[in-house]
């Protein structure tokens, strides 16, 4: 409730305490009342506000985008040293962000590495419009392009990094998710097929045509999926170069490289 009141009133808690006599206009009160009713109905607070902070960046949300979460910052931290190293050595680092959504992963990396460039891929035109808007707001549009594609279908070129936070919930488990996730995050960004692993199979099978020889693939995973995802990538000729846990201590990200001949 505090975030909602502060957002719509433009007043911080400190200001409210310092100026107890300050009154809000009828229009602002109506906006706050409507927002609080939405929250009482189960809508996530950041959906109501229309944005979410991610890696220090303010990212606009839309109904077509997954709400970026702190767990995904683990992926940014996991691949960032490699992005920096490639950029320093090559003068640039080309990043492909599959299922880009708000653009969170790509834009976070671009915000830190000024010679990195990224392509954000998504099947949803609405998500791509949101990602492009975020890039403009952050002053990163010159290094970020969007591509509507079903995974690699329309992708071209080669990249030093392929990153993805793919759908990894099994179809039958969608109904068991928290209401805030099940009812407000797009199903396209959640449903990973019968066992939740279909996107990893696609990425592992097709990435070789688009990954530089010494490149890396960084994927977020469900906390119980580490062994299965490693097996999928091993069968396609990859070996883990790093595995990372989120702030809760759960397996969350694996970085892969090609097995050396």
C-alpha atoms as a PDB file:
ATOM      1  CA  UNK A   1       0.000   0.000   0.000  1.00  0.00           C
ATOM      2  CA  UNK A   2       2.843   2.409   0.811  1.00  0.00           C
ATOM      3  CA  UNK A   3       4.405   1.968  -2.640  1.00  0.00           C
ATOM      4  CA  UNK A   4       1.057   2.623  -4.292  1.00  0.00           C
ATOM      5  CA  UNK A   5       0.363   5.765  -2.264  1.00  0.00           C
ATOM      6  CA  UNK A   6       3.881   7.106  -2.851  1.00  0.00           C
ATOM      7  CA  UNK A   7       3.712   6.384  -6.582  1.00  0.00           C
ATOM      8  CA  UNK A   8       0.369   8.023  -7.291  1.00  0.00           C
ATOM      9  CA  UNK A   9       0.766  10.916  -4.855  1.00  0.00           C
ATOM     10  CA  UNK A  10       4.374  11.694  -5.718  1.00  0.00           C
ATOM     11  CA  UNK A  11       5.002  11.908  -1.983  1.00  0.00           C
ATOM     12  CA  UNK A  12       7.492   9.841  -0.003  1.00  0.00           C
ATOM     13  CA  UNK A  13       6.789   8.585   3.492  1.00  0.00           C
ATOM     14  CA  UNK A  14       9.344  11.061   4.859  1.00  0.00           C
ATOM     15  CA  UNK A  15       7.584  13.948   3.115  1.00  0.00           C
ATOM     16  CA  UNK A  16       4.219  12.815   4.432  1.00  0.00           C
ATOM     17  CA  UNK A  17       5.555  12.815   7.993  1.00  0.00           C
ATOM     18  CA  UNK A  18       7.234  16.198   7.533  1.00  0.00           C
ATOM     19  CA  UNK A  19       4.120  17.759   5.986  1.00  0.00           C
ATOM     20  CA  UNK A  20       1.143  16.192   7.803  1.00  0.00           C
ATOM     21  CA  UNK A  21      -1.160  19.020   6.707  1.00  0.00           C
ATOM     22  CA  UNK A  22      -0.588  18.316   3.010  1.00  0.00           C
ATOM     23  CA  UNK A  23      -3.778  17.293   1.200  1.00  0.00           C
ATOM     24  CA  UNK A  24      -4.125  15.199  -1.922  1.00  0.00           C
ATOM     25  CA  UNK A  25      -6.372  16.230  -4.785  1.00  0.00           C
ATOM     26  CA  UNK A  26      -9.562  14.318  -5.510  1.00  0.00           C
ATOM     27  CA  UNK A  27      -8.092  12.901  -8.715  1.00  0.00           C
ATOM     28  CA  UNK A  28      -5.055  11.519  -6.921  1.00  0.00           C
ATOM     29  CA  UNK A  29      -7.238  10.007  -4.197  1.00  0.00           C
ATOM     30  CA  UNK A  30      -9.355   8.319  -6.874  1.00  0.00           C
ATOM     31  CA  UNK A  31      -6.238   6.894  -8.551  1.00  0.00           C
ATOM     32  CA  UNK A  32      -4.955   5.551  -5.239  1.00  0.00           C
ATOM     33  CA  UNK A  33      -8.349   4.052  -4.412  1.00  0.00           C
ATOM     34  CA  UNK A  34      -8.537   2.299  -7.792  1.00  0.00           C
ATOM     35  CA  UNK A  35      -4.985   0.980  -7.419  1.00  0.00           C
ATOM     36  CA  UNK A  36      -5.660  -0.343  -3.927  1.00  0.00           C
ATOM     37  CA  UNK A  37      -8.754  -2.153  -5.200  1.00  0.00           C
ATOM     38  CA  UNK A  38      -6.629  -3.781  -7.902  1.00  0.00           C
ATOM     39  CA  UNK A  39      -4.117  -4.853  -5.273  1.00  0.00           C
ATOM     40  CA  UNK A  40      -6.882  -6.254  -3.068  1.00  0.00           C
ATOM     41  CA  UNK A  41      -7.961  -8.285  -6.089  1.00  0.00           C
ATOM     42  CA  UNK A  42      -4.566  -9.967  -6.196  1.00  0.00           C
ATOM     43  CA  UNK A  43      -2.804  -7.951  -8.885  1.00  0.00           C
ATOM     44  CA  UNK A  44       0.944  -7.649  -8.155  1.00  0.00           C
ATOM     45  CA  UNK A  45       1.965  -4.218  -6.941  1.00  0.00           C
ATOM     46  CA  UNK A  46       4.531  -3.685  -9.701  1.00  0.00           C
ATOM     47  CA  UNK A  47       1.933  -4.498 -12.359  1.00  0.00           C
ATOM     48  CA  UNK A  48      -0.184  -1.718 -10.873  1.00  0.00           C
ATOM     49  CA  UNK A  49       2.736   0.707 -10.792  1.00  0.00           C
ATOM     50  CA  UNK A  50       3.670  -0.280 -14.337  1.00  0.00           C
ATOM     51  CA  UNK A  51       7.364  -0.782 -13.712  1.00  0.00           C
ATOM     52  CA  UNK A  52       9.883  -2.899 -11.826  1.00  0.00           C
ATOM     53  CA  UNK A  53      13.445  -2.188 -10.752  1.00  0.00           C
ATOM     54  CA  UNK A  54      15.969  -4.702 -12.105  1.00  0.00           C
ATOM     55  CA  UNK A  55      19.730  -4.463 -11.649  1.00  0.00           C
ATOM     56  CA  UNK A  56      19.322  -0.797 -10.792  1.00  0.00           C
ATOM     57  CA  UNK A  57      17.282  -0.107 -13.934  1.00  0.00           C
ATOM     58  CA  UNK A  58      13.649   0.991 -13.998  1.00  0.00           C
ATOM     59  CA  UNK A  59      11.878  -1.221 -16.527  1.00  0.00           C
ATOM     60  CA  UNK A  60       8.343  -0.643 -17.752  1.00  0.00           C
ATOM     61  CA  UNK A  61       6.060  -3.680 -17.711  1.00  0.00           C
ATOM     62  CA  UNK A  62       3.208  -4.699 -19.994  1.00  0.00           C
ATOM     63  CA  UNK A  63       0.709  -7.578 -19.959  1.00  0.00           C
ATOM     64  CA  UNK A  64       2.913  -9.356 -22.527  1.00  0.00           C
ATOM     65  CA  UNK A  65       6.040  -9.336 -20.357  1.00  0.00           C
ATOM     66  CA  UNK A  66       7.151 -11.433 -17.433  1.00  0.00           C
ATOM     67  CA  UNK A  67       7.792  -9.314 -14.369  1.00  0.00           C
ATOM     68  CA  UNK A  68      11.606  -9.435 -13.983  1.00  0.00           C
ATOM     69  CA  UNK A  69      12.634 -10.808 -10.612  1.00  0.00           C
ATOM     70  CA  UNK A  70      15.761 -10.607  -8.450  1.00  0.00           C
ATOM     71  CA  UNK A  71      16.580 -14.275  -9.186  1.00  0.00           C
ATOM     72  CA  UNK A  72      17.303 -13.319 -12.792  1.00  0.00           C
ATOM     73  CA  UNK A  73      19.930 -10.814 -11.673  1.00  0.00           C
ATOM     74  CA  UNK A  74      21.952 -13.967 -10.913  1.00  0.00           C
ATOM     75  CA  UNK A  75      22.205 -14.565 -14.664  1.00  0.00           C
ATOM     76  CA  UNK A  76      23.488 -11.043 -15.268  1.00  0.00           C
ATOM     77  CA  UNK A  77      26.144 -11.478 -12.575  1.00  0.00           C
ATOM     78  CA  UNK A  78      27.079 -14.918 -13.901  1.00  0.00           C
ATOM     79  CA  UNK A  79      27.813 -13.859 -17.470  1.00  0.00           C
ATOM     80  CA  UNK A  80      28.988 -10.277 -16.858  1.00  0.00           C
ATOM     81  CA  UNK A  81      32.706 -11.117 -16.359  1.00  0.00           C
ATOM     82  CA  UNK A  82      32.732 -12.949 -19.707  1.00  0.00           C
ATOM     83  CA  UNK A  83      30.977 -10.049 -21.449  1.00  0.00           C
ATOM     84  CA  UNK A  84      33.533  -7.617 -20.029  1.00  0.00           C
ATOM     85  CA  UNK A  85      36.446  -9.838 -21.062  1.00  0.00           C
ATOM     86  CA  UNK A  86      35.197 -10.263 -24.634  1.00  0.00           C
ATOM     87  CA  UNK A  87      34.473  -6.549 -24.973  1.00  0.00           C
ATOM     88  CA  UNK A  88      37.969  -5.689 -23.748  1.00  0.00           C
ATOM     89  CA  UNK A  89      39.603  -8.196 -26.104  1.00  0.00           C
ATOM     90  CA  UNK A  90      37.456  -7.775 -29.218  1.00  0.00           C
ATOM     91  CA  UNK A  91      36.282  -4.187 -28.869  1.00  0.00           C
ATOM     92  CA  UNK A  92      32.672  -5.370 -28.680  1.00  0.00           C
ATOM     93  CA  UNK A  93      30.575  -8.204 -27.281  1.00  0.00           C
ATOM     94  CA  UNK A  94      27.525  -9.390 -29.217  1.00  0.00           C
ATOM     95  CA  UNK A  95      24.692 -10.672 -27.039  1.00  0.00           C
ATOM     96  CA  UNK A  96      21.550 -12.564 -28.060  1.00  0.00           C
ATOM     97  CA  UNK A  97      18.802 -12.415 -25.418  1.00  0.00           C
ATOM     98  CA  UNK A  98      16.200 -15.097 -26.150  1.00  0.00           C
ATOM     99  CA  UNK A  99      12.731 -14.430 -24.755  1.00  0.00           C
ATOM    100  CA  UNK A 100      13.807 -10.911 -23.898  1.00  0.00           C
ATOM    101  CA  UNK A 101      10.482  -9.753 -22.405  1.00  0.00           C
ATOM    102  CA  UNK A 102      11.162  -6.350 -20.850  1.00  0.00           C
ATOM    103  CA  UNK A 103      14.737  -6.536 -22.153  1.00  0.00           C
ATOM    104  CA  UNK A 104      15.957  -6.971 -18.580  1.00  0.00           C
ATOM    105  CA  UNK A 105      18.970  -9.238 -19.134  1.00  0.00           C
ATOM    106  CA  UNK A 106      20.280  -7.533 -22.266  1.00  0.00           C
ATOM    107  CA  UNK A 107      19.746  -3.998 -20.993  1.00  0.00           C
ATOM    108  CA  UNK A 108      21.389  -4.768 -17.654  1.00  0.00           C
ATOM    109  CA  UNK A 109      24.496  -6.030 -19.462  1.00  0.00           C
ATOM    110  CA  UNK A 110      24.537  -3.078 -21.865  1.00  0.00           C
ATOM    111  CA  UNK A 111      24.240  -0.651 -18.964  1.00  0.00           C
ATOM    112  CA  UNK A 112      27.505  -1.956 -17.507  1.00  0.00           C
ATOM    113  CA  UNK A 113      29.524  -2.721 -20.659  1.00  0.00           C
ATOM    114  CA  UNK A 114      29.490   0.284 -23.026  1.00  0.00           C
ATOM    115  CA  UNK A 115      30.894  -1.624 -26.013  1.00  0.00           C
ATOM    116  CA  UNK A 116      28.411  -4.493 -25.779  1.00  0.00           C
ATOM    117  CA  UNK A 117      25.546  -4.712 -28.278  1.00  0.00           C
ATOM    118  CA  UNK A 118      22.459  -6.888 -27.981  1.00  0.00           C
ATOM    119  CA  UNK A 119      19.559  -8.325 -29.922  1.00  0.00           C
ATOM    120  CA  UNK A 120      16.425  -9.085 -27.931  1.00  0.00           C
ATOM    121  CA  UNK A 121      14.322 -11.905 -29.380  1.00  0.00           C
ATOM    122  CA  UNK A 122      10.710 -12.592 -28.454  1.00  0.00           C
ATOM    123  CA  UNK A 123       7.693 -14.205 -30.059  1.00  0.00           C
ATOM    124  CA  UNK A 124       5.449 -11.485 -28.621  1.00  0.00           C
ATOM    125  CA  UNK A 125       5.266  -8.193 -30.529  1.00  0.00           C
ATOM    126  CA  UNK A 126       3.934  -6.531 -27.386  1.00  0.00           C
ATOM    127  CA  UNK A 127       6.922  -7.668 -25.354  1.00  0.00           C
ATOM    128  CA  UNK A 128       9.318  -6.387 -28.012  1.00  0.00           C
ATOM    129  CA  UNK A 129       7.612  -2.993 -28.017  1.00  0.00           C
ATOM    130  CA  UNK A 130       8.034  -2.842 -24.246  1.00  0.00           C
ATOM    131  CA  UNK A 131      11.707  -3.849 -24.455  1.00  0.00           C
ATOM    132  CA  UNK A 132      12.396  -1.257 -27.158  1.00  0.00           C
ATOM    133  CA  UNK A 133      10.692   1.392 -25.050  1.00  0.00           C
ATOM    134  CA  UNK A 134      12.819   0.466 -22.058  1.00  0.00           C
ATOM    135  CA  UNK A 135      15.966   0.717 -24.167  1.00  0.00           C
ATOM    136  CA  UNK A 136      14.960   4.213 -25.268  1.00  0.00           C
ATOM    137  CA  UNK A 137      14.177   5.328 -21.723  1.00  0.00           C
ATOM    138  CA  UNK A 138      17.574   4.081 -20.545  1.00  0.00           C
ATOM    139  CA  UNK A 139      19.503   5.650 -23.423  1.00  0.00           C
ATOM    140  CA  UNK A 140      20.526   2.223 -24.738  1.00  0.00           C
ATOM    141  CA  UNK A 141      18.480   2.071 -27.941  1.00  0.00           C
ATOM    142  CA  UNK A 142      21.564   2.624 -30.097  1.00  0.00           C
ATOM    143  CA  UNK A 143      22.995  -0.716 -28.969  1.00  0.00           C
ATOM    144  CA  UNK A 144      19.783  -2.738 -28.625  1.00  0.00           C
ATOM    145  CA  UNK A 145      17.685  -4.150 -31.445  1.00  0.00           C
ATOM    146  CA  UNK A 146      14.584  -6.321 -31.283  1.00  0.00           C
ATOM    147  CA  UNK A 147      13.632  -9.295 -33.432  1.00  0.00           C
ATOM    148  CA  UNK A 148      10.291 -11.092 -33.470  1.00  0.00           C
ATOM    149  CA  UNK A 149      11.154 -14.757 -33.762  1.00  0.00           C
ATOM    150  CA  UNK A 150      10.180 -18.164 -32.413  1.00  0.00           C
ATOM    151  CA  UNK A 151      13.493 -18.864 -30.696  1.00  0.00           C
ATOM    152  CA  UNK A 152      16.178 -18.991 -33.446  1.00  0.00           C
ATOM    153  CA  UNK A 153      13.776 -19.106 -36.395  1.00  0.00           C
ATOM    154  CA  UNK A 154      14.646 -15.636 -37.755  1.00  0.00           C
ATOM    155  CA  UNK A 155      17.974 -15.105 -35.989  1.00  0.00           C
ATOM    156  CA  UNK A 156      21.079 -14.471 -38.086  1.00  0.00           C
ATOM    157  CA  UNK A 157      24.733 -13.737 -37.368  1.00  0.00           C
ATOM    158  CA  UNK A 158      26.980 -14.977 -34.584  1.00  0.00           C
ATOM    159  CA  UNK A 159      27.087 -13.966 -30.951  1.00  0.00           C
ATOM    160  CA  UNK A 160      29.602 -14.170 -28.141  1.00  0.00           C
ATOM    161  CA  UNK A 161      26.808 -14.705 -25.596  1.00  0.00           C
ATOM    162  CA  UNK A 162      23.408 -16.340 -25.902  1.00  0.00           C
ATOM    163  CA  UNK A 163      21.364 -15.662 -22.770  1.00  0.00           C
ATOM    164  CA  UNK A 164      17.886 -16.840 -21.852  1.00  0.00           C
ATOM    165  CA  UNK A 165      15.448 -16.966 -18.992  1.00  0.00           C
ATOM    166  CA  UNK A 166      13.153 -19.391 -20.809  1.00  0.00           C
ATOM    167  CA  UNK A 167       9.781 -20.753 -19.697  1.00  0.00           C
ATOM    168  CA  UNK A 168      10.663 -23.643 -17.384  1.00  0.00           C
ATOM    169  CA  UNK A 169       7.434 -24.532 -15.585  1.00  0.00           C
ATOM    170  CA  UNK A 170       5.868 -27.824 -16.653  1.00  0.00           C
ATOM    171  CA  UNK A 171       2.424 -27.428 -18.199  1.00  0.00           C
ATOM    172  CA  UNK A 172       0.693 -29.340 -15.427  1.00  0.00           C
ATOM    173  CA  UNK A 173       2.375 -27.236 -12.725  1.00  0.00           C
ATOM    174  CA  UNK A 174       1.096 -23.912 -14.107  1.00  0.00           C
ATOM    175  CA  UNK A 175      -2.076 -24.344 -12.067  1.00  0.00           C
ATOM    176  CA  UNK A 176      -0.052 -24.697  -8.861  1.00  0.00           C
ATOM    177  CA  UNK A 177       1.752 -21.375  -9.202  1.00  0.00           C
ATOM    178  CA  UNK A 178       0.996 -18.438  -6.931  1.00  0.00           C
ATOM    179  CA  UNK A 179      -2.065 -16.495  -8.079  1.00  0.00           C
ATOM    180  CA  UNK A 180       0.067 -13.396  -8.722  1.00  0.00           C
ATOM    181  CA  UNK A 181       2.183 -15.368 -11.190  1.00  0.00           C
ATOM    182  CA  UNK A 182      -0.467 -17.612 -12.741  1.00  0.00           C
ATOM    183  CA  UNK A 183      -3.018 -14.857 -13.282  1.00  0.00           C
ATOM    184  CA  UNK A 184      -0.798 -11.962 -14.321  1.00  0.00           C
ATOM    185  CA  UNK A 185       2.423 -13.249 -15.927  1.00  0.00           C
ATOM    186  CA  UNK A 186       1.926 -14.292 -19.579  1.00  0.00           C
ATOM    187  CA  UNK A 187       1.574 -18.047 -19.992  1.00  0.00           C
ATOM    188  CA  UNK A 188       3.918 -17.876 -22.990  1.00  0.00           C
ATOM    189  CA  UNK A 189       6.695 -16.859 -20.590  1.00  0.00           C
ATOM    190  CA  UNK A 190       5.930 -19.631 -18.076  1.00  0.00           C
ATOM    191  CA  UNK A 191       4.983 -22.847 -19.891  1.00  0.00           C
ATOM    192  CA  UNK A 192       8.020 -24.972 -20.729  1.00  0.00           C
ATOM    193  CA  UNK A 193       6.062 -27.953 -22.033  1.00  0.00           C
ATOM    194  CA  UNK A 194       5.212 -31.304 -20.496  1.00  0.00           C
ATOM    195  CA  UNK A 195       8.378 -31.488 -18.367  1.00  0.00           C
ATOM    196  CA  UNK A 196       9.354 -27.811 -18.407  1.00  0.00           C
ATOM    197  CA  UNK A 197      12.486 -28.546 -20.433  1.00  0.00           C
ATOM    198  CA  UNK A 198      11.423 -28.006 -24.052  1.00  0.00           C
ATOM    199  CA  UNK A 199      13.063 -24.568 -24.400  1.00  0.00           C
ATOM    200  CA  UNK A 200      16.408 -25.963 -23.221  1.00  0.00           C
ATOM    201  CA  UNK A 201      16.211 -28.693 -25.856  1.00  0.00           C
ATOM    202  CA  UNK A 202      15.621 -26.071 -28.542  1.00  0.00           C
ATOM    203  CA  UNK A 203      18.435 -23.812 -27.354  1.00  0.00           C
ATOM    204  CA  UNK A 204      20.921 -26.673 -26.991  1.00  0.00           C
ATOM    205  CA  UNK A 205      20.093 -28.102 -30.409  1.00  0.00           C
ATOM    206  CA  UNK A 206      20.124 -24.865 -32.405  1.00  0.00           C
ATOM    207  CA  UNK A 207      22.567 -22.502 -30.682  1.00  0.00           C
ATOM    208  CA  UNK A 208      25.660 -23.892 -32.419  1.00  0.00           C
ATOM    209  CA  UNK A 209      24.767 -22.071 -35.666  1.00  0.00           C
ATOM    210  CA  UNK A 210      24.751 -18.709 -33.904  1.00  0.00           C
ATOM    211  CA  UNK A 211      27.374 -19.003 -31.153  1.00  0.00           C
ATOM    212  CA  UNK A 212      30.965 -17.909 -31.650  1.00  0.00           C
ATOM    213  CA  UNK A 213      33.443 -20.767 -31.192  1.00  0.00           C
ATOM    214  CA  UNK A 214      34.573 -19.539 -27.784  1.00  0.00           C
ATOM    215  CA  UNK A 215      31.149 -18.187 -26.859  1.00  0.00           C
ATOM    216  CA  UNK A 216      28.956 -18.917 -23.853  1.00  0.00           C
ATOM    217  CA  UNK A 217      25.320 -19.836 -23.318  1.00  0.00           C
ATOM    218  CA  UNK A 218      23.800 -18.634 -20.032  1.00  0.00           C
ATOM    219  CA  UNK A 219      20.402 -19.967 -18.989  1.00  0.00           C
ATOM    220  CA  UNK A 220      18.220 -19.513 -15.955  1.00  0.00           C
ATOM    221  CA  UNK A 221      16.755 -22.783 -14.662  1.00  0.00           C
ATOM    222  CA  UNK A 222      14.175 -24.035 -12.215  1.00  0.00           C
ATOM    223  CA  UNK A 223      15.800 -24.901  -8.906  1.00  0.00           C
ATOM    224  CA  UNK A 224      15.365 -28.677  -9.421  1.00  0.00           C
ATOM    225  CA  UNK A 225      16.433 -28.785 -13.079  1.00  0.00           C
ATOM    226  CA  UNK A 226      20.216 -28.552 -12.945  1.00  0.00           C
ATOM    227  CA  UNK A 227      20.986 -32.194 -13.738  1.00  0.00           C
ATOM    228  CA  UNK A 228      18.412 -32.488 -16.519  1.00  0.00           C
ATOM    229  CA  UNK A 229      19.498 -29.250 -18.196  1.00  0.00           C
ATOM    230  CA  UNK A 230      23.161 -30.271 -18.009  1.00  0.00           C
ATOM    231  CA  UNK A 231      22.303 -33.612 -19.635  1.00  0.00           C
ATOM    232  CA  UNK A 232      20.431 -31.879 -22.466  1.00  0.00           C
ATOM    233  CA  UNK A 233      23.354 -29.577 -23.208  1.00  0.00           C
ATOM    234  CA  UNK A 234      25.942 -32.349 -22.819  1.00  0.00           C
ATOM    235  CA  UNK A 235      24.151 -34.367 -25.493  1.00  0.00           C
ATOM    236  CA  UNK A 236      24.447 -31.341 -27.798  1.00  0.00           C
ATOM    237  CA  UNK A 237      28.184 -30.926 -27.177  1.00  0.00           C
ATOM    238  CA  UNK A 238      28.341 -28.463 -24.287  1.00  0.00           C
ATOM    239  CA  UNK A 239      29.927 -28.546 -20.859  1.00  0.00           C
ATOM    240  CA  UNK A 240      29.155 -26.267 -17.903  1.00  0.00           C
ATOM    241  CA  UNK A 241      31.725 -23.544 -17.311  1.00  0.00           C
ATOM    242  CA  UNK A 242      29.899 -22.350 -14.210  1.00  0.00           C
ATOM    243  CA  UNK A 243      26.805 -22.942 -12.086  1.00  0.00           C
ATOM    244  CA  UNK A 244      25.317 -20.259  -9.871  1.00  0.00           C
ATOM    245  CA  UNK A 245      22.833 -20.070  -7.013  1.00  0.00           C
ATOM    246  CA  UNK A 246      20.354 -17.291  -6.352  1.00  0.00           C
ATOM    247  CA  UNK A 247      20.105 -15.305  -3.116  1.00  0.00           C
ATOM    248  CA  UNK A 248      17.931 -18.059  -1.654  1.00  0.00           C
ATOM    249  CA  UNK A 249      20.680 -20.629  -2.206  1.00  0.00           C
ATOM    250  CA  UNK A 250      18.832 -22.405  -5.032  1.00  0.00           C
ATOM    251  CA  UNK A 251      20.401 -23.556  -8.298  1.00  0.00           C
ATOM    252  CA  UNK A 252      19.414 -20.805 -10.720  1.00  0.00           C
ATOM    253  CA  UNK A 253      21.868 -20.283 -13.607  1.00  0.00           C
ATOM    254  CA  UNK A 254      24.192 -22.467 -15.669  1.00  0.00           C
ATOM    255  CA  UNK A 255      26.747 -21.140 -18.153  1.00  0.00           C
ATOM    256  CA  UNK A 256      27.795 -23.516 -20.943  1.00  0.00           C
ATOM    257  CA  UNK A 257      30.635 -23.604 -23.459  1.00  0.00           C
ATOM    258  CA  UNK A 258      31.332 -25.906 -26.374  1.00  0.00           C
ATOM    259  CA  UNK A 259      33.287 -29.058 -25.587  1.00  0.00           C
ATOM    260  CA  UNK A 260      36.781 -28.619 -27.004  1.00  0.00           C
ATOM    261  CA  UNK A 261      37.611 -31.030 -29.875  1.00  0.00           C
END
